[in-house]
Amino acid sequence: MTNIAEGFDCESRREFARFLGIARRSAVEVQSLLYVALDVGYINQEIFQAHYAQATKTKALIGALKHSLTKRPLASSCQGPRHR
């Protein structure tokens, strides 16, 4: 979430997209840490599966947003992701 917030304040779509990539990789890190938590017994299989699935959905949403930023033409008045 913090990577997305930081990227949202960027000066360009390209830079915002870079932060979205970082955020997506952070979701992958969460999935990796879920395996560790499961292996050491901090969580059970049911909790693991629920959180792993949520991280997968999060990765997909971030990826789609990043794709929309990089594929959509830039309006001439656009100075960043918040302006149209």
C-alpha atoms as a PDB file:
ATOM      1  CA  MET A   1       0.000   0.000   0.000  1.00  0.00           C
ATOM      2  CA  THR A   2       2.776   2.456   0.825  1.00  0.00           C
ATOM      3  CA  ASN A   3       4.496   1.893  -2.521  1.00  0.00           C
ATOM      4  CA  ILE A   4       1.260   2.674  -4.329  1.00  0.00           C
ATOM      5  CA  ALA A   5       0.719   5.806  -2.244  1.00  0.00           C
ATOM      6  CA  GLU A   6       4.266   6.988  -2.875  1.00  0.00           C
ATOM      7  CA  GLY A   7       3.963   6.310  -6.578  1.00  0.00           C
ATOM      8  CA  PHE A   8       0.625   8.091  -6.820  1.00  0.00           C
ATOM      9  CA  ASP A   9       2.406  11.351  -5.981  1.00  0.00           C
ATOM     10  CA  CYS A  10       4.900  10.930  -8.816  1.00  0.00           C
ATOM     11  CA  GLU A  11       5.322  13.413 -11.615  1.00  0.00           C
ATOM     12  CA  SER A  12       4.639  10.948 -14.423  1.00  0.00           C
ATOM     13  CA  ARG A  13       2.714   7.816 -15.284  1.00  0.00           C
ATOM     14  CA  ARG A  14       5.971   6.045 -16.047  1.00  0.00           C
ATOM     15  CA  GLU A  15       7.297   6.676 -12.551  1.00  0.00           C
ATOM     16  CA  PHE A  16       3.953   5.705 -10.990  1.00  0.00           C
ATOM     17  CA  ALA A  17       4.076   2.474 -13.012  1.00  0.00           C
ATOM     18  CA  ARG A  18       7.549   1.793 -11.612  1.00  0.00           C
ATOM     19  CA  PHE A  19       6.202   2.069  -8.059  1.00  0.00           C
ATOM     20  CA  LEU A  20       3.317  -0.222  -8.979  1.00  0.00           C
ATOM     21  CA  GLY A  21       5.901  -2.786 -10.077  1.00  0.00           C
ATOM     22  CA  ILE A  22       7.554  -2.495  -6.687  1.00  0.00           C
ATOM     23  CA  ALA A  23       4.175  -2.913  -4.983  1.00  0.00           C
ATOM     24  CA  ARG A  24       3.443  -6.025  -7.051  1.00  0.00           C
ATOM     25  CA  ARG A  25       6.783  -7.542  -6.075  1.00  0.00           C
ATOM     26  CA  SER A  26       5.968  -6.766  -2.440  1.00  0.00           C
ATOM     27  CA  ALA A  27       2.847  -8.912  -2.786  1.00  0.00           C
ATOM     28  CA  VAL A  28       5.095 -11.732  -4.024  1.00  0.00           C
ATOM     29  CA  GLU A  29       7.255 -11.213  -0.931  1.00  0.00           C
ATOM     30  CA  VAL A  30       4.140 -11.583   1.221  1.00  0.00           C
ATOM     31  CA  GLN A  31       3.397 -14.881  -0.493  1.00  0.00           C
ATOM     32  CA  SER A  32       6.923 -16.059   0.223  1.00  0.00           C
ATOM     33  CA  LEU A  33       6.629 -15.074   3.873  1.00  0.00           C
ATOM     34  CA  LEU A  34       3.333 -16.931   4.109  1.00  0.00           C
ATOM     35  CA  TYR A  35       5.214 -20.114   3.251  1.00  0.00           C
ATOM     36  CA  VAL A  36       7.668 -19.375   6.064  1.00  0.00           C
ATOM     37  CA  ALA A  37       4.823 -18.725   8.519  1.00  0.00           C
ATOM     38  CA  LEU A  38       3.183 -21.996   7.488  1.00  0.00           C
ATOM     39  CA  ASP A  39       6.431 -23.966   7.725  1.00  0.00           C
ATOM     40  CA  VAL A  40       7.208 -22.772  11.262  1.00  0.00           C
ATOM     41  CA  GLY A  41       3.636 -23.271  12.443  1.00  0.00           C
ATOM     42  CA  TYR A  42       2.554 -19.648  12.925  1.00  0.00           C
ATOM     43  CA  ILE A  43      -0.443 -20.197  10.638  1.00  0.00           C
ATOM     44  CA  ASN A  44      -2.414 -23.216   9.472  1.00  0.00           C
ATOM     45  CA  GLN A  45      -3.142 -24.312   5.904  1.00  0.00           C
ATOM     46  CA  GLU A  46      -6.560 -22.639   5.819  1.00  0.00           C
ATOM     47  CA  ILE A  47      -5.168 -19.234   6.822  1.00  0.00           C
ATOM     48  CA  PHE A  48      -2.261 -19.696   4.419  1.00  0.00           C
ATOM     49  CA  GLN A  49      -4.590 -20.389   1.494  1.00  0.00           C
ATOM     50  CA  ALA A  50      -6.858 -17.445   2.261  1.00  0.00           C
ATOM     51  CA  HIS A  51      -4.019 -14.943   2.512  1.00  0.00           C
ATOM     52  CA  TYR A  52      -2.136 -16.416  -0.438  1.00  0.00           C
ATOM     53  CA  ALA A  53      -5.262 -16.074  -2.587  1.00  0.00           C
ATOM     54  CA  GLN A  54      -5.715 -12.465  -1.455  1.00  0.00           C
ATOM     55  CA  ALA A  55      -2.104 -11.677  -2.370  1.00  0.00           C
ATOM     56  CA  THR A  56      -2.693 -13.255  -5.786  1.00  0.00           C
ATOM     57  CA  LYS A  57      -5.742 -11.019  -6.338  1.00  0.00           C
ATOM     58  CA  THR A  58      -3.745  -8.007  -5.190  1.00  0.00           C
ATOM     59  CA  LYS A  59      -0.974  -8.797  -7.674  1.00  0.00           C
ATOM     60  CA  ALA A  60      -3.539  -9.029 -10.475  1.00  0.00           C
ATOM     61  CA  LEU A  61      -5.163  -5.705  -9.577  1.00  0.00           C
ATOM     62  CA  ILE A  62      -1.827  -3.921  -9.356  1.00  0.00           C
ATOM     63  CA  GLY A  63      -0.723  -5.473 -12.634  1.00  0.00           C
ATOM     64  CA  ALA A  64      -3.908  -4.350 -14.380  1.00  0.00           C
ATOM     65  CA  LEU A  65      -3.530  -0.804 -13.066  1.00  0.00           C
ATOM     66  CA  LYS A  66       0.098  -0.713 -14.202  1.00  0.00           C
ATOM     67  CA  HIS A  67      -0.900  -2.030 -17.613  1.00  0.00           C
ATOM     68  CA  SER A  68      -3.589   0.652 -17.956  1.00  0.00           C
ATOM     69  CA  LEU A  69      -1.068   3.378 -17.146  1.00  0.00           C
ATOM     70  CA  THR A  70       1.463   2.204 -19.679  1.00  0.00           C
ATOM     71  CA  LYS A  71      -0.981   1.456 -22.516  1.00  0.00           C
ATOM     72  CA  ARG A  72      -3.325   4.452 -22.324  1.00  0.00           C
ATOM     73  CA  PRO A  73      -2.296   7.492 -24.409  1.00  0.00           C
ATOM     74  CA  LEU A  74      -1.149  10.467 -22.375  1.00  0.00           C
ATOM     75  CA  ALA A  75      -3.387  13.534 -22.644  1.00  0.00           C
ATOM     76  CA  SER A  76      -1.530  16.723 -23.508  1.00  0.00           C
ATOM     77  CA  SER A  77      -2.643  18.411 -20.264  1.00  0.00           C
ATOM     78  CA  CYS A  78      -1.643  15.467 -18.068  1.00  0.00           C
ATOM     79  CA  GLN A  79       1.155  16.179 -15.628  1.00  0.00           C
ATOM     80  CA  GLY A  80       0.781  13.047 -13.547  1.00  0.00           C
ATOM     81  CA  PRO A  81      -1.531  10.150 -12.736  1.00  0.00           C
ATOM     82  CA  ARG A  82      -4.079  12.324 -10.890  1.00  0.00           C
ATOM     83  CA  HIS A  83      -4.677  14.756 -13.760  1.00  0.00           C
ATOM     84  CA  ARG A  84      -6.606  14.070 -16.924  1.00  0.00           C
END
